[in-house]
C-alpha atoms as a PDB file:
ATOM      1  CA  UNK A   1      97.602 -24.196  -3.878  1.00  0.00           C
ATOM      2  CA  UNK A   2     100.300 -21.725  -2.809  1.00  0.00           C
ATOM      3  CA  UNK A   3     103.016 -24.267  -3.617  1.00  0.00           C
ATOM      4  CA  UNK A   4     101.749 -24.655  -7.189  1.00  0.00           C
ATOM      5  CA  UNK A   5     101.872 -20.885  -7.736  1.00  0.00           C
ATOM      6  CA  UNK A   6     105.397 -20.703  -6.340  1.00  0.00           C
ATOM      7  CA  UNK A   7     106.490 -23.610  -8.529  1.00  0.00           C
ATOM      8  CA  UNK A   8     104.957 -21.973 -11.620  1.00  0.00           C
ATOM      9  CA  UNK A   9     106.730 -18.684 -10.872  1.00  0.00           C
ATOM     10  CA  UNK A  10     110.023 -20.520 -10.402  1.00  0.00           C
ATOM     11  CA  UNK A  11     109.639 -22.359 -13.706  1.00  0.00           C
ATOM     12  CA  UNK A  12     108.829 -19.124 -15.558  1.00  0.00           C
ATOM     13  CA  UNK A  13     111.839 -17.399 -13.961  1.00  0.00           C
ATOM     14  CA  UNK A  14     114.198 -20.212 -14.946  1.00  0.00           C
ATOM     15  CA  UNK A  15     112.763 -20.326 -18.478  1.00  0.00           C
ATOM     16  CA  UNK A  16     113.199 -16.557 -18.870  1.00  0.00           C
ATOM     17  CA  UNK A  17     116.801 -16.755 -17.636  1.00  0.00           C
ATOM     18  CA  UNK A  18     117.613 -19.629 -19.992  1.00  0.00           C
ATOM     19  CA  UNK A  19     116.071 -17.672 -22.873  1.00  0.00           C
ATOM     20  CA  UNK A  20     118.125 -14.607 -21.941  1.00  0.00           C
ATOM     21  CA  UNK A  21     121.358 -16.613 -21.810  1.00  0.00           C
ATOM     22  CA  UNK A  22     120.510 -18.188 -25.175  1.00  0.00           C
ATOM     23  CA  UNK A  23     119.982 -14.787 -26.780  1.00  0.00           C
ATOM     24  CA  UNK A  24     123.262 -13.481 -25.346  1.00  0.00           C
ATOM     25  CA  UNK A  25     125.161 -16.499 -26.682  1.00  0.00           C
ATOM     26  CA  UNK A  26     123.475 -16.119 -30.085  1.00  0.00           C
ATOM     27  CA  UNK A  27     124.253 -12.399 -30.278  1.00  0.00           C
ATOM     28  CA  UNK A  28     127.902 -12.720 -29.222  1.00  0.00           C
ATOM     29  CA  UNK A  29     128.742 -15.739 -31.360  1.00  0.00           C
ATOM     30  CA  UNK A  30     131.477 -15.132 -33.904  1.00  0.00           C
ATOM     31  CA  UNK A  31     129.395 -16.399 -36.828  1.00  0.00           C
ATOM     32  CA  UNK A  32     127.149 -13.321 -36.723  1.00  0.00           C
ATOM     33  CA  UNK A  33     129.857 -10.704 -36.190  1.00  0.00           C
ATOM     34  CA  UNK A  34     130.124  -9.726 -39.869  1.00  0.00           C
ATOM     35  CA  UNK A  35     126.349  -9.350 -40.209  1.00  0.00           C
ATOM     36  CA  UNK A  36     126.063  -7.232 -37.055  1.00  0.00           C
ATOM     37  CA  UNK A  37     129.016  -5.052 -38.090  1.00  0.00           C
ATOM     38  CA  UNK A  38     127.337  -4.387 -41.432  1.00  0.00           C
ATOM     39  CA  UNK A  39     124.066  -3.529 -39.693  1.00  0.00           C
ATOM     40  CA  UNK A  40     125.909  -1.176 -37.333  1.00  0.00           C
ATOM     41  CA  UNK A  41     127.228   0.781 -40.323  1.00  0.00           C
ATOM     42  CA  UNK A  42     123.798   1.333 -41.933  1.00  0.00           C
ATOM     43  CA  UNK A  43     123.080   4.703 -40.277  1.00  0.00           C
ATOM     44  CA  UNK A  44     126.479   6.026 -41.336  1.00  0.00           C
ATOM     45  CA  UNK A  45     126.003   4.872 -44.930  1.00  0.00           C
ATOM     46  CA  UNK A  46     122.782   6.918 -45.192  1.00  0.00           C
ATOM     47  CA  UNK A  47     124.678  10.059 -44.132  1.00  0.00           C
ATOM     48  CA  UNK A  48     127.355   9.422 -46.737  1.00  0.00           C
ATOM     49  CA  UNK A  49     124.710   9.179 -49.484  1.00  0.00           C
ATOM     50  CA  UNK A  50     123.161  12.507 -48.517  1.00  0.00           C
ATOM     51  CA  UNK A  51     126.556  14.263 -48.433  1.00  0.00           C
ATOM     52  CA  UNK A  52     127.538  12.944 -51.854  1.00  0.00           C
ATOM     53  CA  UNK A  53     124.375  14.277 -53.501  1.00  0.00           C
ATOM     54  CA  UNK A  54     122.635  10.922 -53.761  1.00  0.00           C
ATOM     55  CA  UNK A  55     119.813  11.914 -51.459  1.00  0.00           C
ATOM     56  CA  UNK A  56     116.343  10.471 -51.409  1.00  0.00           C
ATOM     57  CA  UNK A  57     113.901  11.280 -54.195  1.00  0.00           C
ATOM     58  CA  UNK A  58     111.162  11.632 -51.574  1.00  0.00           C
ATOM     59  CA  UNK A  59     112.660  14.919 -50.310  1.00  0.00           C
ATOM     60  CA  UNK A  60     111.247  17.846 -52.284  1.00  0.00           C
ATOM     61  CA  UNK A  61     113.788  20.259 -53.788  1.00  0.00           C
ATOM     62  CA  UNK A  62     112.041  23.285 -52.256  1.00  0.00           C
ATOM     63  CA  UNK A  63     112.226  21.688 -48.788  1.00  0.00           C
ATOM     64  CA  UNK A  64     108.481  21.584 -48.385  1.00  0.00           C
ATOM     65  CA  UNK A  65     107.698  25.277 -48.803  1.00  0.00           C
ATOM     66  CA  UNK A  66     104.160  26.137 -49.884  1.00  0.00           C
ATOM     67  CA  UNK A  67     103.836  27.889 -53.243  1.00  0.00           C
END
């Protein structure tokens, strides 16, 4: 019974490692570079909108003060 548990743990470990390597290869492949670069710029684009006066309509003009 102990051998079966050890074999199951070994299989799960190998499967997790193979999955990890697959994700790393997928993430670092050149085909996705443009998409990831665009996603990396998203936080900076939001800041540029706020600075240029194109802020969100959800923000009240009185900054939430109670009248």
